[in-house]
Amino acid sequence: MGRLPASQRYKRHDRRWKRYEKQLPGHRVQIDVGFIEPLASMPQGRRGGRNKYFQFTAIDDCTRLRVLRIYPTLNQATAIQFLDYVLQRLPFQVEVIQTDSGAEFQSAFHWHVLDKGIAHTYIKPRTPRLNGKVERSHRIDAEEFYGSSTASSSTMPRSSTTSCASGRTTTTTIAPTAASAARRPTNASSRRPRPRRNR
């Protein structure tokens, strides 16, 4: 009757749960890209469709410090620009960059990382769990921020860049334009009534 649940019983040292993390800041930084679903308050494209946005996120394996930025394009030039921004914002030296084998992290990005004196490693294909910290970060953002962003453009921030006092974590939000603030008429209200024919 006084037995503890299985999760609280004594376990041998070799069978206890171990938290996976690096011991030194900057020893390994995980970088990944998350697709942001178009919101009603985001600027619309030239053809009337909503633009796509991509959130680049870098998270340190030891300290969990996170740097993220949102870009309208997904290519190697954007990935290189984000890497330079990450190296500028982190308060310690980065030794290893870890990414998946996506098209945005291929040869141009790889050689740019090596030119910075940083090692670049790829995770195994179809194993996002190896980039688990940044993958979890994207899932939390999707659930807590993007998933609940149903407010109109008048309630969205114009342009906000928030950062900690130490400047370690930065969040950049897309600013809505005047064109997106004016709502387009719906199909029902934009149709003209047809004149009746006299028979």
Protein backbone atom coordinates (compact mmCIF):
# COMPACT_ATOMS: atom_id res chain seq x y z
CA MET A 1 0.00 0.00 0.00
CA GLY A 2 2.86 2.36 0.70
CA ARG A 3 4.68 1.60 -2.53
CA LEU A 4 5.79 4.51 -4.70
CA PRO A 5 4.69 4.77 -8.32
CA ALA A 6 7.05 3.34 -10.89
CA SER A 7 8.26 6.80 -11.94
CA GLN A 8 9.48 7.58 -8.40
CA ARG A 9 11.11 4.30 -7.47
CA TYR A 10 14.85 3.98 -7.13
CA LYS A 11 16.61 3.23 -10.37
CA ARG A 12 20.14 2.20 -11.07
CA HIS A 13 22.47 4.93 -12.29
CA ASP A 14 22.83 3.36 -15.73
CA ARG A 15 19.03 3.26 -16.19
CA ARG A 16 18.18 6.76 -15.01
CA TRP A 17 16.95 9.35 -17.47
CA LYS A 18 19.75 11.58 -18.66
CA ARG A 19 19.28 15.08 -20.00
CA TYR A 20 21.08 15.49 -23.30
CA GLU A 21 22.97 18.75 -23.51
CA LYS A 22 26.43 20.05 -24.25
CA GLN A 23 28.61 21.26 -21.41
CA LEU A 24 29.99 24.47 -22.91
CA PRO A 25 28.10 27.40 -24.50
CA GLY A 26 28.60 27.53 -28.24
CA HIS A 27 29.84 23.96 -28.48
CA ARG A 28 26.91 23.15 -30.79
CA VAL A 29 24.20 25.43 -32.19
CA GLN A 30 21.18 23.92 -33.90
CA ILE A 31 19.67 25.81 -36.85
CA ASP A 32 16.46 24.98 -38.65
CA VAL A 33 13.70 26.64 -40.67
CA GLY A 34 9.99 26.60 -39.90
CA PHE A 35 7.24 27.53 -42.34
CA ILE A 36 4.77 30.11 -41.06
CA GLU A 37 1.19 29.69 -42.23
CA PRO A 38 -0.05 32.90 -43.87
CA LEU A 39 -2.07 35.01 -41.46
CA ALA A 40 -4.99 37.23 -42.41
CA SER A 41 -3.09 40.27 -41.14
CA MET A 42 0.06 39.63 -43.20
CA PRO A 43 0.69 41.55 -46.42
CA GLN A 44 -0.81 40.03 -49.53
CA GLY A 45 1.13 39.16 -52.67
CA ARG A 46 0.83 40.70 -56.09
CA ARG A 47 -1.68 38.12 -57.26
CA GLY A 48 -3.88 38.54 -54.21
CA GLY A 49 -2.56 35.47 -52.40
CA ARG A 50 -0.88 35.77 -49.05
CA ASN A 51 2.89 35.73 -48.91
CA LYS A 52 4.82 32.85 -47.40
CA TYR A 53 7.23 33.49 -44.54
CA PHE A 54 9.98 31.36 -43.10
CA GLN A 55 11.27 31.48 -39.54
CA PHE A 56 14.97 30.77 -39.18
CA THR A 57 15.79 29.70 -35.63
CA ALA A 58 19.12 29.02 -33.94
CA ILE A 59 19.30 27.60 -30.42
CA ASP A 60 22.38 26.87 -28.34
CA ASP A 61 22.54 23.29 -27.11
CA CYS A 62 23.92 24.22 -23.68
CA THR A 63 22.32 27.50 -22.63
CA ARG A 64 19.09 27.23 -24.69
CA LEU A 65 19.62 30.80 -25.89
CA ARG A 66 17.57 31.31 -29.02
CA VAL A 67 17.93 33.70 -31.95
CA LEU A 68 15.25 33.85 -34.61
CA ARG A 69 14.29 35.93 -37.60
CA ILE A 70 11.55 35.83 -40.22
CA TYR A 71 12.33 36.07 -43.94
CA PRO A 72 10.07 36.12 -47.01
CA THR A 73 12.42 33.87 -49.01
CA LEU A 74 14.04 30.50 -48.38
CA ASN A 75 17.43 30.06 -50.04
CA GLN A 76 21.13 29.84 -49.24
CA ALA A 77 21.61 33.61 -49.36
CA THR A 78 18.98 34.03 -46.65
CA ALA A 79 20.57 31.24 -44.58
CA ILE A 80 23.98 32.93 -44.84
CA GLN A 81 22.48 36.26 -43.81
CA PHE A 82 20.83 34.61 -40.81
CA LEU A 83 24.06 32.88 -39.79
CA ASP A 84 25.93 36.19 -39.75
CA TYR A 85 23.14 37.65 -37.62
CA VAL A 86 23.34 34.74 -35.17
CA LEU A 87 27.10 35.06 -34.77
CA GLN A 88 26.65 38.76 -34.13
CA ARG A 89 23.97 38.28 -31.46
CA LEU A 90 25.33 35.37 -29.43
CA PRO A 91 27.60 36.47 -26.54
CA PHE A 92 29.99 33.52 -26.96
CA GLN A 93 32.02 31.89 -29.71
CA VAL A 94 30.30 29.18 -31.75
CA GLU A 95 32.27 26.02 -32.48
CA VAL A 96 29.81 23.81 -34.39
CA ILE A 97 26.70 24.55 -36.48
CA GLN A 98 24.25 21.66 -36.84
CA THR A 99 21.57 21.66 -39.55
CA ASP A 100 19.56 19.26 -41.64
CA SER A 101 20.40 18.61 -45.27
CA GLY A 102 17.87 21.05 -46.69
CA ALA A 103 18.52 22.97 -49.89
CA GLU A 104 19.12 26.20 -47.96
CA PHE A 105 22.05 24.63 -46.05
CA GLN A 106 24.02 23.25 -48.98
CA SER A 107 27.42 24.16 -50.50
CA ALA A 108 27.33 27.98 -50.35
CA PHE A 109 26.14 27.95 -46.75
CA HIS A 110 28.52 25.13 -45.81
CA TRP A 111 31.61 26.90 -47.14
CA HIS A 112 30.53 30.17 -45.56
CA VAL A 113 30.40 28.45 -42.17
CA LEU A 114 33.85 26.95 -42.71
CA ASP A 115 35.23 30.36 -43.73
CA LYS A 116 34.08 31.66 -40.35
CA GLY A 117 36.25 29.04 -38.64
CA ILE A 118 33.22 27.03 -37.50
CA ALA A 119 32.53 23.36 -38.14
CA HIS A 120 29.32 22.41 -39.93
CA THR A 121 27.63 19.04 -39.43
CA TYR A 122 24.50 17.57 -41.01
CA ILE A 123 22.08 15.37 -39.12
CA LYS A 124 21.05 12.05 -40.61
CA PRO A 125 18.26 12.19 -43.21
CA ARG A 126 14.71 11.84 -41.87
CA THR A 127 15.80 12.17 -38.24
CA PRO A 128 14.48 15.53 -37.00
CA ARG A 129 14.83 14.31 -33.41
CA LEU A 130 18.58 14.95 -33.71
CA ASN A 131 17.69 18.64 -33.99
CA GLY A 132 15.20 18.19 -31.19
CA LYS A 133 15.67 21.48 -29.35
CA VAL A 134 15.04 23.70 -32.36
CA GLU A 135 12.23 21.43 -33.59
CA ARG A 136 10.52 21.72 -30.21
CA SER A 137 11.02 25.48 -30.33
CA HIS A 138 9.22 25.66 -33.67
CA ARG A 139 6.36 23.55 -32.36
CA ILE A 140 5.89 25.80 -29.32
CA ASP A 141 5.89 28.89 -31.58
CA ALA A 142 3.30 27.31 -33.87
CA GLU A 143 1.02 26.36 -30.97
CA GLU A 144 1.33 29.44 -28.77
CA PHE A 145 1.85 32.26 -31.24
CA TYR A 146 1.00 31.50 -34.85
CA GLY A 147 -1.83 29.12 -34.05
CA SER A 148 -3.67 31.70 -31.93
CA SER A 149 -2.96 34.75 -34.10
CA THR A 150 -6.49 35.38 -35.33
CA ALA A 151 -6.48 39.09 -34.57
CA SER A 152 -7.07 41.63 -37.28
CA SER A 153 -4.33 43.80 -38.75
CA SER A 154 -5.29 46.67 -36.46
CA THR A 155 -4.29 44.65 -33.41
CA MET A 156 -1.06 43.27 -34.89
CA PRO A 157 2.16 45.15 -34.07
CA ARG A 158 3.45 47.51 -36.72
CA SER A 159 7.05 46.39 -36.45
CA SER A 160 8.46 45.04 -33.24
CA THR A 161 11.92 43.80 -32.36
CA THR A 162 12.09 42.59 -28.79
CA SER A 163 15.26 41.43 -27.11
CA CYS A 164 16.52 40.60 -23.66
CA ALA A 165 18.54 43.13 -21.74
CA SER A 166 21.66 41.15 -22.57
CA GLY A 167 20.74 41.08 -26.25
CA ARG A 168 20.80 37.29 -26.39
CA THR A 169 17.39 36.48 -27.81
CA THR A 170 15.79 38.44 -30.62
CA THR A 171 12.37 38.14 -32.20
CA THR A 172 11.47 39.97 -35.38
CA THR A 173 7.82 40.34 -36.35
CA ILE A 174 6.53 41.03 -39.83
CA ALA A 175 4.88 44.45 -40.03
CA PRO A 176 1.54 44.66 -41.86
CA THR A 177 1.32 47.14 -44.70
CA ALA A 178 -1.46 49.59 -45.45
CA ALA A 179 -2.65 47.36 -48.28
CA SER A 180 -3.22 44.46 -45.92
CA ALA A 181 -5.03 46.65 -43.40
CA ALA A 182 -7.81 47.36 -45.89
CA ARG A 183 -9.87 44.21 -46.15
CA ARG A 184 -10.80 43.02 -49.58
CA PRO A 185 -14.53 42.55 -50.21
CA THR A 186 -15.83 39.01 -50.05
CA ASN A 187 -17.20 37.27 -53.10
CA ALA A 188 -20.79 37.65 -51.93
CA SER A 189 -20.56 41.41 -51.40
CA SER A 190 -18.51 42.11 -54.54
CA ARG A 191 -21.01 40.57 -56.94
CA ARG A 192 -23.30 42.94 -58.74
CA PRO A 193 -26.99 42.09 -58.81
CA ARG A 194 -28.13 40.90 -62.20
CA PRO A 195 -30.88 42.93 -63.83
CA ARG A 196 -34.17 41.13 -64.26
CA ARG A 197 -35.34 40.49 -67.77
CA ASN A 198 -38.90 41.33 -68.75
CA ARG A 199 -40.61 38.43 -70.38
